Protein backbone atom coordinates (compact mmCIF):
# COMPACT_ATOMS: atom_id res chain seq x y z
CA UNK A 1 0.00 0.00 0.00
CA UNK A 2 1.60 3.36 -1.02
CA UNK A 3 2.59 5.74 1.71
CA UNK A 4 1.08 9.24 1.19
CA UNK A 5 3.36 10.96 3.69
CA UNK A 6 3.06 14.39 5.30
CA UNK A 7 3.02 16.23 1.97
CA UNK A 8 0.00 14.24 0.76
CA UNK A 9 -1.90 14.82 3.96
CA UNK A 10 -1.15 18.55 3.76
CA UNK A 11 -2.42 18.68 0.18
CA UNK A 12 -5.63 16.94 1.24
CA UNK A 13 -6.08 19.43 4.10
CA UNK A 14 -5.57 22.42 1.81
CA UNK A 15 -8.07 21.09 -0.72
CA UNK A 16 -10.56 20.46 2.09
CA UNK A 17 -10.16 23.99 3.39
CA UNK A 18 -10.62 25.30 -0.15
CA UNK A 19 -14.05 23.68 -0.19
CA UNK A 20 -15.12 24.51 3.36
CA UNK A 21 -14.04 28.17 3.57
CA UNK A 22 -16.08 29.41 0.57
CA UNK A 23 -19.08 27.52 1.95
CA UNK A 24 -18.67 29.26 5.31
CA UNK A 25 -18.31 32.65 3.61
CA UNK A 26 -21.48 32.07 1.59
CA UNK A 27 -23.36 31.10 4.77
CA UNK A 28 -22.06 34.16 6.62
CA UNK A 29 -22.95 36.37 3.68
CA UNK A 30 -26.52 35.07 3.54
CA UNK A 31 -26.83 35.78 7.27
CA UNK A 32 -25.11 39.17 7.21
CA UNK A 33 -26.65 40.68 4.06
CA UNK A 34 -30.23 41.04 5.40
CA UNK A 35 -28.83 42.74 8.51
CA UNK A 36 -27.07 45.28 6.30
CA UNK A 37 -30.33 46.22 4.54
CA UNK A 38 -32.37 49.12 5.88
CA UNK A 39 -35.64 48.56 7.68
CA UNK A 40 -38.72 49.24 5.54
CA UNK A 41 -40.47 51.98 7.50
CA UNK A 42 -44.10 52.53 6.51
CA UNK A 43 -45.81 55.69 7.83
CA UNK A 44 -49.01 55.51 9.88
CA UNK A 45 -51.08 56.62 6.88
CA UNK A 46 -50.57 56.36 3.12
CA UNK A 47 -51.96 57.78 -0.12
CA UNK A 48 -51.66 61.44 0.85
CA UNK A 49 -52.33 60.52 4.47
CA UNK A 50 -55.81 59.26 3.60
CA UNK A 51 -55.62 55.52 4.33
CA UNK A 52 -54.48 53.64 7.45
CA UNK A 53 -51.28 51.73 6.73
CA UNK A 54 -51.76 48.61 8.87
CA UNK A 55 -52.55 46.40 5.87
CA UNK A 56 -49.72 47.94 3.84
CA UNK A 57 -47.22 47.13 6.60
CA UNK A 58 -48.33 43.50 6.48
CA UNK A 59 -47.60 43.39 2.74
CA UNK A 60 -44.11 44.89 2.96
CA UNK A 61 -40.97 42.95 4.01
CA UNK A 62 -39.16 44.01 7.17
CA UNK A 63 -35.96 44.99 5.31
CA UNK A 64 -34.97 46.13 1.84
CA UNK A 65 -35.36 49.20 -0.34
CA UNK A 66 -36.92 52.10 1.55
CA UNK A 67 -40.66 52.72 1.44
CA UNK A 68 -41.88 55.18 -1.19
CA UNK A 69 -45.23 56.62 -2.19
CA UNK A 70 -45.48 57.77 -5.78
CA UNK A 71 -48.04 59.05 -8.28
CA UNK A 72 -50.72 59.56 -5.64
CA UNK A 73 -53.61 61.79 -6.66
CA UNK A 74 -57.28 62.37 -5.85
CA UNK A 75 -57.05 60.87 -2.36
CA UNK A 76 -56.60 63.80 0.02
CA UNK A 77 -59.90 65.61 0.61
CA UNK A 78 -58.62 68.59 2.64
CA UNK A 79 -59.22 71.87 0.84
CA UNK A 80 -61.59 70.37 -1.72
CA UNK A 81 -65.34 70.92 -1.81
CA UNK A 82 -67.80 68.09 -2.23
CA UNK A 83 -68.80 69.50 -5.63
CA UNK A 84 -65.16 69.49 -6.76
CA UNK A 85 -64.65 65.90 -5.63
CA UNK A 86 -67.65 64.75 -7.66
CA UNK A 87 -65.42 65.22 -10.70
CA UNK A 88 -62.85 62.78 -9.31
CA UNK A 89 -63.66 59.68 -11.31
CA UNK A 90 -60.24 58.15 -10.76
CA UNK A 91 -57.71 58.06 -7.93
CA UNK A 92 -54.42 56.19 -7.84
CA UNK A 93 -51.56 55.57 -5.43
CA UNK A 94 -48.39 53.48 -5.89
CA UNK A 95 -46.59 52.16 -2.79
CA UNK A 96 -43.22 50.40 -2.91
CA UNK A 97 -40.78 49.01 -0.37
CA UNK A 98 -38.34 46.13 -0.09
CA UNK A 99 -38.98 45.12 -3.71
CA UNK A 100 -42.76 44.85 -3.19
CA UNK A 101 -45.25 47.04 -5.07
CA UNK A 102 -48.81 47.81 -4.02
CA UNK A 103 -51.05 49.64 -6.48
CA UNK A 104 -54.21 51.22 -5.05
CA UNK A 105 -56.93 52.63 -7.27
CA UNK A 106 -60.57 53.67 -7.27
CA UNK A 107 -62.52 54.25 -10.47
CA UNK A 108 -66.11 55.29 -11.14
CA UNK A 109 -67.67 52.98 -13.73
CA UNK A 110 -70.41 54.55 -15.80
CA UNK A 111 -73.82 52.92 -15.93
CA UNK A 112 -73.83 49.76 -18.02
CA UNK A 113 -70.02 49.72 -18.38
CA UNK A 114 -69.71 46.93 -15.82
CA UNK A 115 -72.73 45.68 -13.90
CA UNK A 116 -73.52 43.65 -10.80
CA UNK A 117 -74.12 40.67 -13.09
CA UNK A 118 -70.60 41.07 -14.44
CA UNK A 119 -69.18 41.17 -10.90
CA UNK A 120 -71.09 38.02 -9.98
CA UNK A 121 -69.86 36.24 -13.10
CA UNK A 122 -66.22 37.18 -12.59
CA UNK A 123 -66.32 36.36 -8.87
CA UNK A 124 -67.17 32.75 -9.73
CA UNK A 125 -64.70 32.28 -12.55
CA UNK A 126 -62.06 29.60 -12.12
CA UNK A 127 -59.26 30.99 -9.96
CA UNK A 128 -61.38 33.76 -8.39
CA UNK A 129 -62.42 34.01 -4.75
CA UNK A 130 -65.67 35.94 -4.05
CA UNK A 131 -65.61 38.82 -1.57
CA UNK A 132 -68.52 40.20 0.44
CA UNK A 133 -68.27 43.63 2.07
CA UNK A 134 -71.67 44.66 3.36
CA UNK A 135 -73.72 45.65 0.32
CA UNK A 136 -70.54 45.68 -1.77
CA UNK A 137 -69.15 42.60 -3.46
CA UNK A 138 -66.05 41.68 -5.42
CA UNK A 139 -63.39 39.06 -5.81
CA UNK A 140 -59.73 38.12 -5.50
CA UNK A 141 -58.13 37.20 -8.81
CA UNK A 142 -54.40 36.43 -8.90
CA UNK A 143 -52.51 39.51 -7.69
CA UNK A 144 -55.63 41.69 -7.76
CA UNK A 145 -58.33 42.44 -5.19
CA UNK A 146 -61.47 44.13 -6.53
CA UNK A 147 -64.47 45.56 -4.68
CA UNK A 148 -67.52 47.19 -6.26
CA UNK A 149 -69.67 49.69 -4.36
CA UNK A 150 -73.00 51.02 -5.63
CA UNK A 151 -72.49 54.71 -6.41
CA UNK A 152 -75.43 55.96 -8.51
CA UNK A 153 -75.12 59.44 -9.92
CA UNK A 154 -78.90 59.83 -9.86
CA UNK A 155 -81.92 58.02 -8.50
CA UNK A 156 -82.13 54.61 -10.12
CA UNK A 157 -78.62 54.86 -11.57
CA UNK A 158 -76.44 51.74 -11.72
CA UNK A 159 -72.95 53.26 -11.57
CA UNK A 160 -70.37 51.28 -9.60
CA UNK A 161 -67.27 52.47 -7.78
CA UNK A 162 -64.49 49.96 -8.41
CA UNK A 163 -61.71 49.59 -5.84
CA UNK A 164 -58.58 47.71 -6.91
CA UNK A 165 -55.48 46.68 -4.98
CA UNK A 166 -52.75 44.87 -6.93
CA UNK A 167 -49.78 43.36 -5.08
CA UNK A 168 -46.58 42.17 -6.74
CA UNK A 169 -42.82 42.21 -6.70
CA UNK A 170 -39.99 40.40 -5.00
CA UNK A 171 -40.97 37.34 -2.98
CA UNK A 172 -44.71 38.05 -3.06
CA UNK A 173 -46.88 34.94 -2.98
CA UNK A 174 -50.29 36.13 -4.12
CA UNK A 175 -51.78 32.78 -3.09
CA UNK A 176 -50.65 33.20 0.51
CA UNK A 177 -53.69 33.70 2.73
CA UNK A 178 -52.03 36.46 4.77
CA UNK A 179 -51.20 38.41 1.60
CA UNK A 180 -54.73 37.96 0.30
CA UNK A 181 -56.28 39.01 3.62
CA UNK A 182 -54.05 42.11 3.85
CA UNK A 183 -54.84 43.13 0.26
CA UNK A 184 -58.57 42.70 0.93
CA UNK A 185 -58.29 44.78 4.13
CA UNK A 186 -56.54 47.57 2.20
CA UNK A 187 -59.26 47.43 -0.46
CA UNK A 188 -61.86 47.84 2.28
CA UNK A 189 -60.03 50.88 3.73
CA UNK A 190 -59.90 52.38 0.23
CA UNK A 191 -63.58 51.64 -0.42
CA UNK A 192 -64.68 53.37 2.77
CA UNK A 193 -62.61 56.47 2.02
CA UNK A 194 -63.50 56.70 -1.68
CA UNK A 195 -67.22 55.96 -1.25
CA UNK A 196 -67.84 57.93 1.94
CA UNK A 197 -65.37 60.84 1.88
CA UNK A 198 -64.75 61.45 -1.83
CA UNK A 199 -67.70 60.27 -3.92
CA UNK A 200 -70.32 60.40 -1.12
CA UNK A 201 -72.08 57.39 -2.62
CA UNK A 202 -75.64 56.81 -1.43
CA UNK A 203 -75.64 54.09 1.22
CA UNK A 204 -71.85 54.17 1.66
CA UNK A 205 -72.28 54.79 5.38
CA UNK A 206 -73.48 51.18 5.67
CA UNK A 207 -70.11 49.76 4.58
CA UNK A 208 -68.66 47.67 7.43
CA UNK A 209 -65.74 48.85 9.49
CA UNK A 210 -64.14 45.43 9.13
CA UNK A 211 -62.40 43.59 6.28
CA UNK A 212 -64.34 41.77 3.54
CA UNK A 213 -65.39 38.15 3.94
CA UNK A 214 -63.64 35.74 1.56
CA UNK A 215 -65.37 32.80 -0.11
C-alpha atoms as a PDB file:
ATOM      1  CA  UNK A   1       0.000   0.000   0.000  1.00  0.00           C
ATOM      2  CA  UNK A   2       1.602   3.360  -1.015  1.00  0.00           C
ATOM      3  CA  UNK A   3       2.593   5.744   1.712  1.00  0.00           C
ATOM      4  CA  UNK A   4       1.083   9.239   1.193  1.00  0.00           C
ATOM      5  CA  UNK A   5       3.357  10.965   3.692  1.00  0.00           C
ATOM      6  CA  UNK A   6       3.057  14.389   5.297  1.00  0.00           C
ATOM      7  CA  UNK A   7       3.021  16.226   1.973  1.00  0.00           C
ATOM      8  CA  UNK A   8       0.003  14.237   0.758  1.00  0.00           C
ATOM      9  CA  UNK A   9      -1.902  14.822   3.959  1.00  0.00           C
ATOM     10  CA  UNK A  10      -1.147  18.553   3.762  1.00  0.00           C
ATOM     11  CA  UNK A  11      -2.420  18.684   0.177  1.00  0.00           C
ATOM     12  CA  UNK A  12      -5.631  16.941   1.243  1.00  0.00           C
ATOM     13  CA  UNK A  13      -6.081  19.435   4.096  1.00  0.00           C
ATOM     14  CA  UNK A  14      -5.573  22.417   1.806  1.00  0.00           C
ATOM     15  CA  UNK A  15      -8.075  21.088  -0.724  1.00  0.00           C
ATOM     16  CA  UNK A  16     -10.561  20.460   2.091  1.00  0.00           C
ATOM     17  CA  UNK A  17     -10.157  23.987   3.386  1.00  0.00           C
ATOM     18  CA  UNK A  18     -10.624  25.298  -0.153  1.00  0.00           C
ATOM     19  CA  UNK A  19     -14.051  23.678  -0.189  1.00  0.00           C
ATOM     20  CA  UNK A  20     -15.124  24.513   3.363  1.00  0.00           C
ATOM     21  CA  UNK A  21     -14.036  28.170   3.568  1.00  0.00           C
ATOM     22  CA  UNK A  22     -16.083  29.414   0.568  1.00  0.00           C
ATOM     23  CA  UNK A  23     -19.081  27.525   1.949  1.00  0.00           C
ATOM     24  CA  UNK A  24     -18.668  29.260   5.313  1.00  0.00           C
ATOM     25  CA  UNK A  25     -18.312  32.649   3.613  1.00  0.00           C
ATOM     26  CA  UNK A  26     -21.485  32.066   1.593  1.00  0.00           C
ATOM     27  CA  UNK A  27     -23.362  31.101   4.770  1.00  0.00           C
ATOM     28  CA  UNK A  28     -22.062  34.155   6.619  1.00  0.00           C
ATOM     29  CA  UNK A  29     -22.950  36.366   3.682  1.00  0.00           C
ATOM     30  CA  UNK A  30     -26.520  35.074   3.543  1.00  0.00           C
ATOM     31  CA  UNK A  31     -26.835  35.782   7.271  1.00  0.00           C
ATOM     32  CA  UNK A  32     -25.106  39.168   7.212  1.00  0.00           C
ATOM     33  CA  UNK A  33     -26.653  40.678   4.063  1.00  0.00           C
ATOM     34  CA  UNK A  34     -30.232  41.039   5.403  1.00  0.00           C
ATOM     35  CA  UNK A  35     -28.832  42.736   8.511  1.00  0.00           C
ATOM     36  CA  UNK A  36     -27.072  45.275   6.301  1.00  0.00           C
ATOM     37  CA  UNK A  37     -30.329  46.225   4.540  1.00  0.00           C
ATOM     38  CA  UNK A  38     -32.367  49.118   5.879  1.00  0.00           C
ATOM     39  CA  UNK A  39     -35.642  48.561   7.676  1.00  0.00           C
ATOM     40  CA  UNK A  40     -38.724  49.245   5.535  1.00  0.00           C
ATOM     41  CA  UNK A  41     -40.468  51.980   7.504  1.00  0.00           C
ATOM     42  CA  UNK A  42     -44.099  52.531   6.512  1.00  0.00           C
ATOM     43  CA  UNK A  43     -45.813  55.694   7.828  1.00  0.00           C
ATOM     44  CA  UNK A  44     -49.011  55.507   9.875  1.00  0.00           C
ATOM     45  CA  UNK A  45     -51.077  56.623   6.876  1.00  0.00           C
ATOM     46  CA  UNK A  46     -50.567  56.360   3.117  1.00  0.00           C
ATOM     47  CA  UNK A  47     -51.960  57.781  -0.123  1.00  0.00           C
ATOM     48  CA  UNK A  48     -51.659  61.438   0.847  1.00  0.00           C
ATOM     49  CA  UNK A  49     -52.333  60.516   4.472  1.00  0.00           C
ATOM     50  CA  UNK A  50     -55.814  59.257   3.603  1.00  0.00           C
ATOM     51  CA  UNK A  51     -55.624  55.518   4.332  1.00  0.00           C
ATOM     52  CA  UNK A  52     -54.482  53.639   7.451  1.00  0.00           C
ATOM     53  CA  UNK A  53     -51.281  51.728   6.728  1.00  0.00           C
ATOM     54  CA  UNK A  54     -51.764  48.612   8.872  1.00  0.00           C
ATOM     55  CA  UNK A  55     -52.551  46.405   5.868  1.00  0.00           C
ATOM     56  CA  UNK A  56     -49.716  47.939   3.843  1.00  0.00           C
ATOM     57  CA  UNK A  57     -47.220  47.132   6.604  1.00  0.00           C
ATOM     58  CA  UNK A  58     -48.333  43.498   6.475  1.00  0.00           C
ATOM     59  CA  UNK A  59     -47.604  43.389   2.742  1.00  0.00           C
ATOM     60  CA  UNK A  60     -44.109  44.886   2.963  1.00  0.00           C
ATOM     61  CA  UNK A  61     -40.966  42.948   4.013  1.00  0.00           C
ATOM     62  CA  UNK A  62     -39.156  44.013   7.170  1.00  0.00           C
ATOM     63  CA  UNK A  63     -35.961  44.993   5.313  1.00  0.00           C
ATOM     64  CA  UNK A  64     -34.966  46.130   1.845  1.00  0.00           C
ATOM     65  CA  UNK A  65     -35.356  49.198  -0.339  1.00  0.00           C
ATOM     66  CA  UNK A  66     -36.922  52.095   1.546  1.00  0.00           C
ATOM     67  CA  UNK A  67     -40.665  52.722   1.443  1.00  0.00           C
ATOM     68  CA  UNK A  68     -41.877  55.178  -1.187  1.00  0.00           C
ATOM     69  CA  UNK A  69     -45.233  56.623  -2.188  1.00  0.00           C
ATOM     70  CA  UNK A  70     -45.485  57.772  -5.782  1.00  0.00           C
ATOM     71  CA  UNK A  71     -48.044  59.050  -8.279  1.00  0.00           C
ATOM     72  CA  UNK A  72     -50.719  59.556  -5.639  1.00  0.00           C
ATOM     73  CA  UNK A  73     -53.609  61.791  -6.658  1.00  0.00           C
ATOM     74  CA  UNK A  74     -57.281  62.373  -5.852  1.00  0.00           C
ATOM     75  CA  UNK A  75     -57.051  60.872  -2.364  1.00  0.00           C
ATOM     76  CA  UNK A  76     -56.599  63.802   0.019  1.00  0.00           C
ATOM     77  CA  UNK A  77     -59.897  65.610   0.609  1.00  0.00           C
ATOM     78  CA  UNK A  78     -58.618  68.587   2.636  1.00  0.00           C
ATOM     79  CA  UNK A  79     -59.223  71.872   0.841  1.00  0.00           C
ATOM     80  CA  UNK A  80     -61.588  70.368  -1.725  1.00  0.00           C
ATOM     81  CA  UNK A  81     -65.340  70.921  -1.813  1.00  0.00           C
ATOM     82  CA  UNK A  82     -67.798  68.087  -2.233  1.00  0.00           C
ATOM     83  CA  UNK A  83     -68.795  69.500  -5.627  1.00  0.00           C
ATOM     84  CA  UNK A  84     -65.164  69.494  -6.763  1.00  0.00           C
ATOM     85  CA  UNK A  85     -64.654  65.901  -5.635  1.00  0.00           C
ATOM     86  CA  UNK A  86     -67.645  64.751  -7.664  1.00  0.00           C
ATOM     87  CA  UNK A  87     -65.419  65.217 -10.697  1.00  0.00           C
ATOM     88  CA  UNK A  88     -62.851  62.783  -9.309  1.00  0.00           C
ATOM     89  CA  UNK A  89     -63.660  59.681 -11.307  1.00  0.00           C
ATOM     90  CA  UNK A  90     -60.238  58.151 -10.761  1.00  0.00           C
ATOM     91  CA  UNK A  91     -57.706  58.061  -7.927  1.00  0.00           C
ATOM     92  CA  UNK A  92     -54.416  56.189  -7.840  1.00  0.00           C
ATOM     93  CA  UNK A  93     -51.561  55.569  -5.433  1.00  0.00           C
ATOM     94  CA  UNK A  94     -48.386  53.484  -5.890  1.00  0.00           C
ATOM     95  CA  UNK A  95     -46.594  52.164  -2.795  1.00  0.00           C
ATOM     96  CA  UNK A  96     -43.223  50.395  -2.912  1.00  0.00           C
ATOM     97  CA  UNK A  97     -40.784  49.012  -0.371  1.00  0.00           C
ATOM     98  CA  UNK A  98     -38.341  46.133  -0.094  1.00  0.00           C
ATOM     99  CA  UNK A  99     -38.977  45.124  -3.709  1.00  0.00           C
ATOM    100  CA  UNK A 100     -42.756  44.850  -3.191  1.00  0.00           C
ATOM    101  CA  UNK A 101     -45.252  47.038  -5.070  1.00  0.00           C
ATOM    102  CA  UNK A 102     -48.814  47.813  -4.015  1.00  0.00           C
ATOM    103  CA  UNK A 103     -51.049  49.644  -6.478  1.00  0.00           C
ATOM    104  CA  UNK A 104     -54.211  51.218  -5.054  1.00  0.00           C
ATOM    105  CA  UNK A 105     -56.930  52.630  -7.272  1.00  0.00           C
ATOM    106  CA  UNK A 106     -60.569  53.669  -7.270  1.00  0.00           C
ATOM    107  CA  UNK A 107     -62.516  54.254 -10.466  1.00  0.00           C
ATOM    108  CA  UNK A 108     -66.111  55.289 -11.139  1.00  0.00           C
ATOM    109  CA  UNK A 109     -67.668  52.985 -13.730  1.00  0.00           C
ATOM    110  CA  UNK A 110     -70.407  54.554 -15.803  1.00  0.00           C
ATOM    111  CA  UNK A 111     -73.819  52.917 -15.930  1.00  0.00           C
ATOM    112  CA  UNK A 112     -73.826  49.760 -18.025  1.00  0.00           C
ATOM    113  CA  UNK A 113     -70.022  49.718 -18.383  1.00  0.00           C
ATOM    114  CA  UNK A 114     -69.713  46.931 -15.816  1.00  0.00           C
ATOM    115  CA  UNK A 115     -72.735  45.682 -13.903  1.00  0.00           C
ATOM    116  CA  UNK A 116     -73.516  43.648 -10.804  1.00  0.00           C
ATOM    117  CA  UNK A 117     -74.123  40.668 -13.090  1.00  0.00           C
ATOM    118  CA  UNK A 118     -70.598  41.070 -14.440  1.00  0.00           C
ATOM    119  CA  UNK A 119     -69.183  41.173 -10.899  1.00  0.00           C
ATOM    120  CA  UNK A 120     -71.086  38.016  -9.976  1.00  0.00           C
ATOM    121  CA  UNK A 121     -69.864  36.240 -13.101  1.00  0.00           C
ATOM    122  CA  UNK A 122     -66.215  37.180 -12.588  1.00  0.00           C
ATOM    123  CA  UNK A 123     -66.322  36.358  -8.874  1.00  0.00           C
ATOM    124  CA  UNK A 124     -67.167  32.753  -9.734  1.00  0.00           C
ATOM    125  CA  UNK A 125     -64.704  32.282 -12.553  1.00  0.00           C
ATOM    126  CA  UNK A 126     -62.059  29.596 -12.120  1.00  0.00           C
ATOM    127  CA  UNK A 127     -59.255  30.994  -9.959  1.00  0.00           C
ATOM    128  CA  UNK A 128     -61.376  33.755  -8.390  1.00  0.00           C
ATOM    129  CA  UNK A 129     -62.424  34.005  -4.750  1.00  0.00           C
ATOM    130  CA  UNK A 130     -65.666  35.938  -4.054  1.00  0.00           C
ATOM    131  CA  UNK A 131     -65.613  38.823  -1.573  1.00  0.00           C
ATOM    132  CA  UNK A 132     -68.519  40.204   0.441  1.00  0.00           C
ATOM    133  CA  UNK A 133     -68.273  43.633   2.069  1.00  0.00           C
ATOM    134  CA  UNK A 134     -71.669  44.663   3.363  1.00  0.00           C
ATOM    135  CA  UNK A 135     -73.722  45.650   0.319  1.00  0.00           C
ATOM    136  CA  UNK A 136     -70.543  45.681  -1.769  1.00  0.00           C
ATOM    137  CA  UNK A 137     -69.152  42.596  -3.458  1.00  0.00           C
ATOM    138  CA  UNK A 138     -66.051  41.684  -5.417  1.00  0.00           C
ATOM    139  CA  UNK A 139     -63.385  39.065  -5.811  1.00  0.00           C
ATOM    140  CA  UNK A 140     -59.733  38.119  -5.497  1.00  0.00           C
ATOM    141  CA  UNK A 141     -58.134  37.197  -8.805  1.00  0.00           C
ATOM    142  CA  UNK A 142     -54.403  36.430  -8.903  1.00  0.00           C
ATOM    143  CA  UNK A 143     -52.508  39.507  -7.689  1.00  0.00           C
ATOM    144  CA  UNK A 144     -55.629  41.690  -7.761  1.00  0.00           C
ATOM    145  CA  UNK A 145     -58.326  42.444  -5.191  1.00  0.00           C
ATOM    146  CA  UNK A 146     -61.471  44.129  -6.525  1.00  0.00           C
ATOM    147  CA  UNK A 147     -64.472  45.560  -4.679  1.00  0.00           C
ATOM    148  CA  UNK A 148     -67.522  47.186  -6.257  1.00  0.00           C
ATOM    149  CA  UNK A 149     -69.669  49.689  -4.362  1.00  0.00           C
ATOM    150  CA  UNK A 150     -73.004  51.019  -5.629  1.00  0.00           C
ATOM    151  CA  UNK A 151     -72.491  54.706  -6.407  1.00  0.00           C
ATOM    152  CA  UNK A 152     -75.429  55.956  -8.506  1.00  0.00           C
ATOM    153  CA  UNK A 153     -75.124  59.444  -9.924  1.00  0.00           C
ATOM    154  CA  UNK A 154     -78.899  59.835  -9.862  1.00  0.00           C
ATOM    155  CA  UNK A 155     -81.917  58.018  -8.497  1.00  0.00           C
ATOM    156  CA  UNK A 156     -82.134  54.612 -10.125  1.00  0.00           C
ATOM    157  CA  UNK A 157     -78.618  54.858 -11.565  1.00  0.00           C
ATOM    158  CA  UNK A 158     -76.443  51.744 -11.720  1.00  0.00           C
ATOM    159  CA  UNK A 159     -72.953  53.265 -11.566  1.00  0.00           C
ATOM    160  CA  UNK A 160     -70.368  51.283  -9.601  1.00  0.00           C
ATOM    161  CA  UNK A 161     -67.271  52.468  -7.780  1.00  0.00           C
ATOM    162  CA  UNK A 162     -64.486  49.960  -8.411  1.00  0.00           C
ATOM    163  CA  UNK A 163     -61.711  49.591  -5.844  1.00  0.00           C
ATOM    164  CA  UNK A 164     -58.576  47.713  -6.907  1.00  0.00           C
ATOM    165  CA  UNK A 165     -55.485  46.681  -4.983  1.00  0.00           C
ATOM    166  CA  UNK A 166     -52.750  44.872  -6.934  1.00  0.00           C
ATOM    167  CA  UNK A 167     -49.781  43.362  -5.083  1.00  0.00           C
ATOM    168  CA  UNK A 168     -46.584  42.174  -6.740  1.00  0.00           C
ATOM    169  CA  UNK A 169     -42.823  42.211  -6.701  1.00  0.00           C
ATOM    170  CA  UNK A 170     -39.991  40.400  -4.998  1.00  0.00           C
ATOM    171  CA  UNK A 171     -40.969  37.340  -2.981  1.00  0.00           C
ATOM    172  CA  UNK A 172     -44.711  38.049  -3.063  1.00  0.00           C
ATOM    173  CA  UNK A 173     -46.879  34.940  -2.982  1.00  0.00           C
ATOM    174  CA  UNK A 174     -50.288  36.134  -4.124  1.00  0.00           C
ATOM    175  CA  UNK A 175     -51.775  32.783  -3.095  1.00  0.00           C
ATOM    176  CA  UNK A 176     -50.653  33.204   0.507  1.00  0.00           C
ATOM    177  CA  UNK A 177     -53.690  33.696   2.730  1.00  0.00           C
ATOM    178  CA  UNK A 178     -52.026  36.459   4.774  1.00  0.00           C
ATOM    179  CA  UNK A 179     -51.196  38.405   1.605  1.00  0.00           C
ATOM    180  CA  UNK A 180     -54.734  37.959   0.302  1.00  0.00           C
ATOM    181  CA  UNK A 181     -56.277  39.011   3.616  1.00  0.00           C
ATOM    182  CA  UNK A 182     -54.052  42.107   3.849  1.00  0.00           C
ATOM    183  CA  UNK A 183     -54.838  43.130   0.262  1.00  0.00           C
ATOM    184  CA  UNK A 184     -58.571  42.702   0.933  1.00  0.00           C
ATOM    185  CA  UNK A 185     -58.293  44.783   4.127  1.00  0.00           C
ATOM    186  CA  UNK A 186     -56.537  47.575   2.198  1.00  0.00           C
ATOM    187  CA  UNK A 187     -59.255  47.432  -0.464  1.00  0.00           C
ATOM    188  CA  UNK A 188     -61.856  47.842   2.284  1.00  0.00           C
ATOM    189  CA  UNK A 189     -60.033  50.880   3.727  1.00  0.00           C
ATOM    190  CA  UNK A 190     -59.898  52.379   0.234  1.00  0.00           C
ATOM    191  CA  UNK A 191     -63.580  51.637  -0.418  1.00  0.00           C
ATOM    192  CA  UNK A 192     -64.684  53.365   2.769  1.00  0.00           C
ATOM    193  CA  UNK A 193     -62.605  56.467   2.015  1.00  0.00           C
ATOM    194  CA  UNK A 194     -63.500  56.700  -1.678  1.00  0.00           C
ATOM    195  CA  UNK A 195     -67.219  55.960  -1.252  1.00  0.00           C
ATOM    196  CA  UNK A 196     -67.843  57.934   1.944  1.00  0.00           C
ATOM    197  CA  UNK A 197     -65.373  60.841   1.875  1.00  0.00           C
ATOM    198  CA  UNK A 198     -64.749  61.446  -1.826  1.00  0.00           C
ATOM    199  CA  UNK A 199     -67.700  60.266  -3.920  1.00  0.00           C
ATOM    200  CA  UNK A 200     -70.325  60.405  -1.124  1.00  0.00           C
ATOM    201  CA  UNK A 201     -72.077  57.388  -2.619  1.00  0.00           C
ATOM    202  CA  UNK A 202     -75.637  56.812  -1.432  1.00  0.00           C
ATOM    203  CA  UNK A 203     -75.635  54.090   1.224  1.00  0.00           C
ATOM    204  CA  UNK A 204     -71.849  54.165   1.664  1.00  0.00           C
ATOM    205  CA  UNK A 205     -72.284  54.788   5.382  1.00  0.00           C
ATOM    206  CA  UNK A 206     -73.476  51.177   5.668  1.00  0.00           C
ATOM    207  CA  UNK A 207     -70.111  49.764   4.581  1.00  0.00           C
ATOM    208  CA  UNK A 208     -68.665  47.666   7.428  1.00  0.00           C
ATOM    209  CA  UNK A 209     -65.743  48.855   9.487  1.00  0.00           C
ATOM    210  CA  UNK A 210     -64.141  45.428   9.127  1.00  0.00           C
ATOM    211  CA  UNK A 211     -62.402  43.592   6.279  1.00  0.00           C
ATOM    212  CA  UNK A 212     -64.342  41.771   3.539  1.00  0.00           C
ATOM    213  CA  UNK A 213     -65.391  38.146   3.943  1.00  0.00           C
ATOM    214  CA  UNK A 214     -63.642  35.740   1.561  1.00  0.00           C
ATOM    215  CA  UNK A 215     -65.371  32.805  -0.112  1.00  0.00           C
END
